[in-house]
Amino acid sequence: MDTDSIEVTDLLSAVASRVKVYVAEVNRDIWDHIISEVPELRGDEAILAMHRASVEENVAAVLNTFESSIPVENVGSPPAALEYSRRLAQRGISVTALVRAYRMGHCRFLQWCLDELRRQSTGDQVHAAATQRMLRISFRYIDRVSEAVIEEHQVERDRWLRNQSAERAACVRALLGREQVDTGRAEETLGYRLDQNHVGIVLWLPEVTPPGEGLARLDRLTSEIAERVGRQERPLFVAQDESLAWGWLPGGETRSLSLDLVADVVEDRDPAVRVTVGAVERGTSGFCRTHRQAVRTQELAMAANPGTRVTVFESVSPIALLCADIDDTRGWVQHVLGDLAVDDEYCARLRETLYVFLTAGCSYTATASRQILHRNTVQYRVRRAEETIGKSISDRRTDLEVALLACQHLGASVLQPPLAPTADEVSHAQPPGSTA
């Protein structure tokens, strides 16, 4: 039977007119069903009231279409539905939850209408045709409205994030710039508590990524790092450009965050990302201090050759602070180490042994044990390093340790280009009776 026949049209109109009599009960049932099936949509009374209005306007629109045979193409999207979609976007509720709500609501609505259709039906053919017409119209309506609310949600989400990001960035700049900032308002803007311990991080992608993809990866990785180190509160993420972001991990009242796990998270989740990590610091001043540490460490990581995937400030703090001026650092390292600051294998071997020797309390035995070398080899290398530097290692011992550490982390950035080996260096590469 033709689904557009007069009999079918009249039957569907009668069904709609009858459902309108108890439409308040229908609306309440649909709303309750959606809330029970899609828990993400539960919220405060304001958002729930907006959801009720959205359900009521959608139900009214479909019933009017049934009753008056209004073409679906002529039915606009209900204003309450669009506004509800915008509010969900502002609250960070996914579009998936919104679409699922429409599916659940549509299903429940059809149950009410089909029940009424059975009560109104006068014949099998008319009943079947009316059912088909009801399904066709309602699905076309839901399809059109779903597209509209999804688009509205996406547009609002993009706009909201841009504005929110701009506000957060401005607030962070004010804090870092030591401006007078109301702590309460700052916390509200940032969605992040300042009166706690913090760990500042800097994340970046060395390679070019498609627009939007890089920041999404960095944002996701920040959340995963916070979760892995045991923090339940959300971290603060502030984008700087398409491939660079600043972050703060909330430390609460503990100073014993498992920062050694950061490298594991990056390795597991997104090994292309580079991350630097500040120390655990407290309060608003600590918020700024740990960030500066992470930034200084990033300068080191960018200058290092080769660099590492994750660099922690506390393991390189003297060198990170030196990186404020890499040219001056290079000059200072070469002044302290003299000819030992040459980028070749021979000097690298002497530098490594000398650093271990100094940090082991100038013990030849301890150094030999740590490097798995013969004691004679250690003595020889230390003597050769001292000769290459041109002064006793007892002079400026602290400077030597820092300069050698700088060579380890910054490599070629602070070293002189390699020179052709001399005959003396070749002949003395290994001492007699020793093991390299």
Protein backbone atom coordinates (compact mmCIF):
# COMPACT_ATOMS: atom_id res chain seq x y z
CA MET A 1 0.00 0.00 0.00
CA ASP A 2 1.19 3.52 -0.79
CA THR A 3 2.69 5.08 2.34
CA ASP A 4 1.57 8.51 1.14
CA SER A 5 -2.08 7.54 0.66
CA ILE A 6 -4.86 9.46 2.37
CA GLU A 7 -5.68 6.53 4.66
CA VAL A 8 -2.06 6.26 5.86
CA THR A 9 -1.69 10.04 6.22
CA ASP A 10 -4.91 10.28 8.25
CA LEU A 11 -3.93 7.34 10.48
CA LEU A 12 -0.51 8.80 11.24
CA SER A 13 -2.10 12.20 11.93
CA ALA A 14 -4.51 10.57 14.36
CA VAL A 15 -1.65 8.80 16.12
CA ALA A 16 0.23 12.08 16.51
CA SER A 17 -2.86 13.88 17.80
CA ARG A 18 -3.46 11.17 20.37
CA VAL A 19 0.17 11.09 21.56
CA LYS A 20 0.01 14.85 22.08
CA VAL A 21 -2.65 14.26 24.73
CA TYR A 22 -0.14 12.51 27.00
CA VAL A 23 3.02 14.04 25.52
CA ALA A 24 4.26 15.20 28.95
CA GLU A 25 4.50 11.55 30.01
CA VAL A 26 6.26 10.69 26.72
CA ASN A 27 8.79 13.48 27.17
CA ARG A 28 9.52 12.50 30.77
CA ASP A 29 9.99 8.84 29.83
CA ILE A 30 12.31 9.65 26.90
CA TRP A 31 14.38 12.01 29.05
CA ASP A 32 14.67 9.47 31.90
CA HIS A 33 15.67 6.75 29.45
CA ILE A 34 18.40 8.89 27.85
CA ILE A 35 19.85 9.93 31.22
CA SER A 36 19.94 6.32 32.42
CA GLU A 37 21.57 5.06 29.19
CA VAL A 38 24.01 7.95 28.63
CA PRO A 39 25.47 8.85 32.06
CA GLU A 40 27.81 11.46 30.54
CA LEU A 41 24.77 13.72 30.14
CA ARG A 42 24.01 13.89 33.86
CA GLY A 43 24.89 17.25 35.30
CA ASP A 44 23.63 20.25 37.24
CA GLU A 45 20.02 21.42 37.09
CA ALA A 46 20.72 24.04 34.42
CA ILE A 47 22.09 21.53 31.92
CA LEU A 48 19.36 18.98 32.77
CA ALA A 49 16.65 21.61 32.20
CA MET A 50 18.18 22.40 28.82
CA HIS A 51 18.17 18.69 27.97
CA ARG A 52 14.47 18.45 28.86
CA ALA A 53 13.72 21.41 26.60
CA SER A 54 15.66 19.78 23.77
CA VAL A 55 13.70 16.53 24.14
CA GLU A 56 10.38 18.40 24.24
CA GLU A 57 11.13 20.47 21.12
CA ASN A 58 12.31 17.43 19.15
CA VAL A 59 9.25 15.39 20.11
CA ALA A 60 6.94 18.28 19.24
CA ALA A 61 8.64 18.78 15.86
CA VAL A 62 8.27 15.11 14.85
CA LEU A 63 4.67 14.90 16.06
CA ASN A 64 3.78 18.05 14.08
CA THR A 65 5.39 16.49 11.02
CA PHE A 66 3.26 13.35 11.48
CA GLU A 67 0.09 15.33 12.16
CA SER A 68 0.32 17.97 9.43
CA SER A 69 2.39 16.12 6.80
CA ILE A 70 5.00 18.86 6.88
CA PRO A 71 7.98 17.93 4.67
CA VAL A 72 10.98 17.13 6.85
CA GLU A 73 13.08 19.46 4.70
CA ASN A 74 10.91 22.36 5.90
CA VAL A 75 11.40 21.60 9.60
CA GLY A 76 14.24 23.54 11.15
CA SER A 77 16.43 22.31 13.96
CA PRO A 78 14.90 23.14 17.37
CA PRO A 79 16.69 26.09 19.03
CA ALA A 80 16.82 24.27 22.38
CA ALA A 81 18.52 21.28 20.72
CA LEU A 82 21.20 23.50 19.17
CA GLU A 83 21.77 25.39 22.43
CA TYR A 84 22.01 22.11 24.36
CA SER A 85 24.60 20.89 21.87
CA ARG A 86 26.63 24.08 22.40
CA ARG A 87 26.50 23.71 26.17
CA LEU A 88 27.70 20.11 25.99
CA ALA A 89 30.62 21.24 23.82
CA GLN A 90 31.54 23.91 26.38
CA ARG A 91 31.55 21.31 29.14
CA GLY A 92 33.80 18.96 27.24
CA ILE A 93 31.12 16.29 26.73
CA SER A 94 31.86 14.35 23.57
CA VAL A 95 29.75 14.45 20.45
CA THR A 96 29.55 10.65 20.72
CA ALA A 97 27.42 10.99 23.85
CA LEU A 98 25.18 13.47 22.06
CA VAL A 99 24.63 11.20 19.05
CA ARG A 100 23.96 8.23 21.34
CA ALA A 101 21.33 10.30 23.15
CA TYR A 102 19.54 10.90 19.86
CA ARG A 103 19.56 7.19 19.06
CA MET A 104 18.21 6.29 22.51
CA GLY A 105 15.59 9.02 22.40
CA HIS A 106 14.47 8.10 18.89
CA CYS A 107 14.05 4.47 19.88
CA ARG A 108 11.97 5.36 22.94
CA PHE A 109 9.84 7.82 20.98
CA LEU A 110 9.03 5.20 18.34
CA GLN A 111 7.93 2.75 21.02
CA TRP A 112 5.30 5.20 22.22
CA CYS A 113 4.14 5.98 18.68
CA LEU A 114 4.00 2.33 17.60
CA ASP A 115 1.97 1.45 20.68
CA GLU A 116 -0.51 4.18 19.83
CA LEU A 117 -0.53 3.08 16.17
CA ARG A 118 -1.59 -0.41 17.22
CA ARG A 119 -4.47 1.08 19.17
CA GLN A 120 -5.55 3.31 16.26
CA SER A 121 -5.03 0.81 13.41
CA THR A 122 -8.02 -0.37 11.38
CA GLY A 123 -6.35 -2.78 9.00
CA ASP A 124 -3.15 -4.67 8.38
CA GLN A 125 -2.19 -2.95 5.13
CA VAL A 126 -2.81 0.52 6.45
CA HIS A 127 -1.01 -0.31 9.69
CA ALA A 128 2.05 -1.62 7.85
CA ALA A 129 2.15 1.37 5.51
CA ALA A 130 1.73 3.81 8.40
CA THR A 131 4.57 2.10 10.24
CA GLN A 132 6.80 2.50 7.20
CA ARG A 133 5.84 6.15 6.84
CA MET A 134 6.45 6.78 10.55
CA LEU A 135 9.90 5.21 10.38
CA ARG A 136 10.84 7.02 7.18
CA ILE A 137 9.82 10.45 8.45
CA SER A 138 11.28 10.06 11.93
CA PHE A 139 14.61 8.69 10.67
CA ARG A 140 14.92 11.49 8.11
CA TYR A 141 14.19 14.00 10.85
CA ILE A 142 16.74 12.50 13.25
CA ASP A 143 19.32 12.35 10.46
CA ARG A 144 18.90 16.05 9.63
CA VAL A 145 18.83 17.24 13.24
CA SER A 146 21.76 15.01 14.20
CA GLU A 147 23.87 16.56 11.45
CA ALA A 148 22.91 20.03 12.62
CA VAL A 149 23.67 19.45 16.30
CA ILE A 150 26.94 17.64 15.50
CA GLU A 151 28.07 20.58 13.38
CA GLU A 152 26.96 23.01 16.10
CA HIS A 153 28.84 20.98 18.71
CA GLN A 154 32.05 20.95 16.64
CA VAL A 155 31.94 24.66 15.84
CA GLU A 156 31.26 25.57 19.46
CA ARG A 157 33.89 23.17 20.76
CA ASP A 158 36.53 24.67 18.46
CA ARG A 159 35.52 28.20 19.41
CA TRP A 160 35.35 27.39 23.11
CA LEU A 161 38.76 25.71 23.10
CA ARG A 162 40.30 28.63 21.24
CA ASN A 163 38.88 31.11 23.73
CA GLN A 164 39.66 28.90 26.70
CA SER A 165 43.20 28.31 25.46
CA ALA A 166 43.69 32.03 24.92
CA GLU A 167 42.43 32.80 28.42
CA ARG A 168 44.60 30.08 29.97
CA ALA A 169 47.64 31.25 28.01
CA ALA A 170 47.10 34.86 29.11
CA CYS A 171 46.70 33.77 32.73
CA VAL A 172 49.85 31.62 32.58
CA ARG A 173 51.82 34.50 31.04
CA ALA A 174 50.68 36.78 33.86
CA LEU A 175 51.76 34.24 36.48
CA LEU A 176 55.12 33.61 34.84
CA GLY A 177 55.64 37.35 34.40
CA ARG A 178 55.16 37.84 38.17
CA GLU A 179 52.16 40.13 37.61
CA GLN A 180 49.63 40.71 40.37
CA VAL A 181 47.14 37.88 39.83
CA ASP A 182 44.14 36.90 41.93
CA THR A 183 44.86 33.26 42.81
CA GLY A 184 41.19 32.26 43.00
CA ARG A 185 40.35 33.69 39.60
CA ALA A 186 43.52 32.24 38.12
CA GLU A 187 42.62 28.76 39.37
CA GLU A 188 39.11 29.12 37.93
CA THR A 189 40.49 30.19 34.55
CA LEU A 190 43.11 27.45 34.46
CA GLY A 191 40.97 24.70 35.94
CA TYR A 192 44.04 23.89 37.98
CA ARG A 193 44.95 24.31 41.68
CA LEU A 194 47.98 26.50 42.41
CA ASP A 195 48.30 25.79 46.16
CA GLN A 196 49.95 22.39 45.72
CA ASN A 197 53.14 20.78 44.42
CA HIS A 198 53.75 21.01 40.66
CA VAL A 199 56.02 19.53 38.03
CA GLY A 200 56.51 21.64 34.92
CA ILE A 201 57.01 19.89 31.60
CA VAL A 202 57.70 21.04 28.05
CA LEU A 203 56.61 18.84 25.15
CA TRP A 204 57.40 19.25 21.47
CA LEU A 205 57.47 17.39 18.18
CA PRO A 206 60.67 17.78 16.16
CA GLU A 207 58.98 16.83 12.90
CA VAL A 208 56.23 18.67 11.02
CA THR A 209 52.71 17.31 11.58
CA PRO A 210 49.34 18.02 9.90
CA PRO A 211 47.44 20.99 11.41
CA GLY A 212 45.81 20.08 14.70
CA GLU A 213 47.35 16.62 14.93
CA GLY A 214 50.50 17.61 16.81
CA LEU A 215 48.72 19.45 19.63
CA ALA A 216 46.20 16.64 20.02
CA ARG A 217 49.08 14.20 20.47
CA LEU A 218 50.84 16.42 23.00
CA ASP A 219 47.62 17.00 24.96
CA ARG A 220 46.87 13.27 25.05
CA LEU A 221 50.43 12.45 26.12
CA THR A 222 50.30 15.03 28.93
CA SER A 223 47.19 13.35 30.36
CA GLU A 224 48.77 9.92 30.08
CA ILE A 225 51.94 11.09 31.84
CA ALA A 226 49.89 12.56 34.70
CA GLU A 227 47.91 9.34 35.02
CA ARG A 228 51.02 7.13 34.99
CA VAL A 229 52.83 9.10 37.69
CA GLY A 230 49.80 8.62 39.90
CA ARG A 231 47.89 11.88 39.70
CA GLN A 232 44.09 11.77 39.59
CA GLU A 233 43.60 15.52 39.03
CA ARG A 234 43.76 16.81 35.49
CA PRO A 235 47.10 18.34 34.42
CA LEU A 236 47.30 21.84 32.97
CA PHE A 237 48.06 21.95 29.23
CA VAL A 238 48.84 25.22 27.41
CA ALA A 239 49.62 25.17 23.69
CA GLN A 240 52.36 27.44 22.37
CA ASP A 241 52.14 26.55 18.68
CA GLU A 242 51.22 23.54 16.55
CA SER A 243 54.11 21.43 17.83
CA LEU A 244 55.05 22.91 21.22
CA ALA A 245 53.21 22.92 24.53
CA TRP A 246 53.78 23.64 28.20
CA GLY A 247 52.28 21.45 30.88
CA TRP A 248 52.03 21.19 34.66
CA LEU A 249 51.49 17.90 36.49
CA PRO A 250 49.53 18.32 39.75
CA GLY A 251 51.51 16.96 42.70
CA GLY A 252 49.00 17.50 45.48
CA GLU A 253 50.72 17.31 48.87
CA THR A 254 53.39 14.80 47.88
CA ARG A 255 56.88 15.58 46.64
CA SER A 256 57.65 11.98 45.72
CA LEU A 257 56.30 11.84 42.19
CA SER A 258 57.53 8.95 40.04
CA LEU A 259 59.17 11.13 37.41
CA ASP A 260 61.30 8.23 36.20
CA LEU A 261 58.10 6.83 34.66
CA VAL A 262 57.81 9.75 32.22
CA ALA A 263 60.35 8.18 29.86
CA ASP A 264 58.39 4.91 29.91
CA VAL A 265 55.14 6.68 29.00
CA VAL A 266 56.73 8.54 26.10
CA GLU A 267 58.40 5.37 24.85
CA ASP A 268 55.11 3.44 25.02
CA ARG A 269 52.69 6.08 23.75
CA ASP A 270 54.44 8.47 21.37
CA PRO A 271 58.21 8.02 21.04
CA ALA A 272 58.47 10.83 18.48
CA VAL A 273 57.68 13.42 21.18
CA ARG A 274 60.45 15.09 23.17
CA VAL A 275 59.81 16.02 26.81
CA THR A 276 61.73 17.93 29.47
CA VAL A 277 60.75 17.79 33.13
CA GLY A 278 61.26 20.32 35.93
CA ALA A 279 61.66 19.54 39.63
CA VAL A 280 58.80 19.21 42.13
CA GLU A 281 58.04 22.73 43.41
CA ARG A 282 55.22 24.11 45.57
CA GLY A 283 52.72 26.95 45.34
CA THR A 284 52.42 29.78 42.86
CA SER A 285 56.14 30.55 42.99
CA GLY A 286 56.88 26.85 42.51
CA PHE A 287 54.50 26.79 39.55
CA CYS A 288 56.73 29.37 37.88
CA ARG A 289 60.03 27.89 39.06
CA THR A 290 59.42 24.33 37.85
CA HIS A 291 58.33 25.74 34.48
CA ARG A 292 61.53 27.74 34.13
CA GLN A 293 63.50 24.60 34.97
CA ALA A 294 61.68 22.64 32.24
CA VAL A 295 62.33 25.45 29.73
CA ARG A 296 66.02 25.60 30.63
CA THR A 297 66.20 21.83 30.25
CA GLN A 298 64.54 22.11 26.85
CA GLU A 299 67.27 24.54 25.76
CA LEU A 300 69.79 21.93 26.80
CA ALA A 301 67.91 19.14 25.01
CA MET A 302 67.68 21.21 21.83
CA ALA A 303 71.41 21.99 21.94
CA ALA A 304 72.47 18.45 22.84
CA ASN A 305 73.92 16.27 20.12
CA PRO A 306 72.71 13.61 20.31
CA GLY A 307 69.71 14.45 22.47
CA THR A 308 67.49 12.19 24.56
CA ARG A 309 63.76 11.54 24.40
CA VAL A 310 63.12 12.71 27.98
CA THR A 311 65.44 14.98 29.96
CA VAL A 312 64.87 15.63 33.68
CA PHE A 313 66.12 18.92 35.15
CA GLU A 314 67.42 17.43 38.38
CA SER A 315 69.82 15.17 36.49
CA VAL A 316 71.28 18.03 34.41
CA SER A 317 70.53 21.14 36.47
CA PRO A 318 74.00 22.77 36.31
CA ILE A 319 74.14 22.28 32.54
CA ALA A 320 70.54 23.38 32.00
CA LEU A 321 71.30 26.67 33.71
CA LEU A 322 74.42 27.10 31.56
CA CYS A 323 72.35 26.79 28.39
CA ALA A 324 70.95 30.29 28.73
CA ASP A 325 73.90 31.31 26.54
CA ILE A 326 75.37 28.40 24.62
CA ASP A 327 78.15 30.51 23.08
CA ASP A 328 79.42 31.59 26.50
CA THR A 329 79.05 28.04 27.77
CA ARG A 330 81.16 26.74 24.88
CA GLY A 331 83.87 29.32 25.62
CA TRP A 332 83.85 28.48 29.32
CA VAL A 333 84.04 24.70 28.70
CA GLN A 334 86.97 25.13 26.35
CA HIS A 335 88.68 27.47 28.82
CA VAL A 336 88.34 24.90 31.63
CA LEU A 337 89.22 21.80 29.62
CA GLY A 338 91.68 23.25 27.14
CA ASP A 339 92.67 20.72 24.47
CA LEU A 340 90.56 18.06 26.20
CA ALA A 341 87.47 19.83 24.80
CA VAL A 342 87.93 18.29 21.34
CA ASP A 343 85.17 16.28 19.67
CA ASP A 344 87.03 13.05 18.96
CA GLU A 345 87.06 9.53 20.35
CA TYR A 346 90.44 9.89 22.08
CA CYS A 347 89.41 12.95 24.14
CA ALA A 348 85.95 11.52 24.77
CA ARG A 349 87.53 8.45 26.37
CA LEU A 350 89.78 10.60 28.58
CA ARG A 351 86.86 12.88 29.56
CA GLU A 352 84.67 9.96 30.53
CA THR A 353 87.32 8.38 32.76
CA LEU A 354 88.25 11.71 34.32
CA TYR A 355 84.61 12.50 35.17
CA VAL A 356 84.10 9.12 36.84
CA PHE A 357 87.40 9.57 38.69
CA LEU A 358 86.34 12.98 40.07
CA THR A 359 82.85 11.85 41.08
CA ALA A 360 84.31 8.70 42.69
CA GLY A 361 86.36 10.76 45.12
CA CYS A 362 89.53 10.57 43.02
CA SER A 363 89.78 6.83 43.70
CA TYR A 364 91.59 4.85 41.01
CA THR A 365 90.18 1.58 42.36
CA ALA A 366 86.55 2.80 42.39
CA THR A 367 86.91 4.27 38.91
CA ALA A 368 88.39 1.04 37.56
CA SER A 369 85.48 -0.89 39.07
CA ARG A 370 82.82 1.43 37.62
CA GLN A 371 84.34 1.47 34.14
CA ILE A 372 85.43 -2.17 34.18
CA LEU A 373 89.03 -1.17 33.45
CA HIS A 374 92.46 -2.13 34.75
CA ARG A 375 93.66 0.24 37.49
CA ASN A 376 96.75 1.05 35.41
CA THR A 377 94.53 2.15 32.54
CA VAL A 378 92.66 4.53 34.82
CA GLN A 379 95.90 6.02 36.14
CA TYR A 380 97.20 6.45 32.61
CA ARG A 381 94.03 8.12 31.32
CA VAL A 382 93.80 10.50 34.26
CA ARG A 383 97.46 11.49 33.80
CA ARG A 384 96.98 12.00 30.05
CA ALA A 385 93.79 14.06 30.69
CA GLU A 386 95.65 16.25 33.13
CA GLU A 387 98.49 16.75 30.62
CA THR A 388 95.99 17.58 27.85
CA ILE A 389 94.19 20.13 30.03
CA GLY A 390 97.53 21.67 30.93
CA LYS A 391 96.93 22.03 34.67
CA SER A 392 96.50 19.87 37.76
CA ILE A 393 93.03 18.41 38.26
CA SER A 394 93.18 19.49 41.89
CA ASP A 395 92.79 23.04 40.62
CA ARG A 396 89.17 24.11 39.96
CA ARG A 397 87.86 20.61 40.57
CA THR A 398 84.22 21.75 40.68
CA ASP A 399 84.61 23.58 37.37
CA LEU A 400 86.11 20.46 35.84
CA GLU A 401 83.18 18.29 36.92
CA VAL A 402 80.62 20.76 35.53
CA ALA A 403 82.55 21.22 32.27
CA LEU A 404 82.86 17.45 31.79
CA LEU A 405 79.15 17.04 32.52
CA ALA A 406 78.42 19.73 29.93
CA CYS A 407 80.41 17.74 27.36
CA GLN A 408 78.37 14.62 28.15
CA HIS A 409 75.03 16.34 27.59
CA LEU A 410 75.81 18.97 24.98
CA GLY A 411 78.41 17.11 22.92
CA ALA A 412 79.52 18.89 19.77
CA SER A 413 77.67 22.08 20.80
CA VAL A 414 80.44 22.92 23.29
CA LEU A 415 83.41 21.04 21.80
CA GLN A 416 86.06 22.00 19.28
CA PRO A 417 86.02 20.19 15.92
CA PRO A 418 88.18 17.05 15.87
CA LEU A 419 91.81 17.41 14.86
CA ALA A 420 93.94 14.94 12.93
CA PRO A 421 95.57 12.56 15.46
CA THR A 422 99.24 13.14 16.20
CA ALA A 423 101.85 10.39 16.14
CA ASP A 424 102.19 10.73 19.89
CA GLU A 425 98.47 10.18 20.44
CA VAL A 426 98.48 7.10 18.26
CA SER A 427 101.54 5.58 19.95
CA HIS A 428 100.20 6.36 23.43
CA ALA A 429 96.59 5.31 22.83
CA GLN A 430 97.11 2.39 25.21
CA PRO A 431 99.70 2.08 27.98
CA PRO A 432 101.90 -1.03 28.04
CA GLY A 433 100.47 -3.91 30.03
CA SER A 434 96.99 -2.41 30.37
CA THR A 435 93.53 -3.27 29.11
CA ALA A 436 91.45 -0.57 27.38
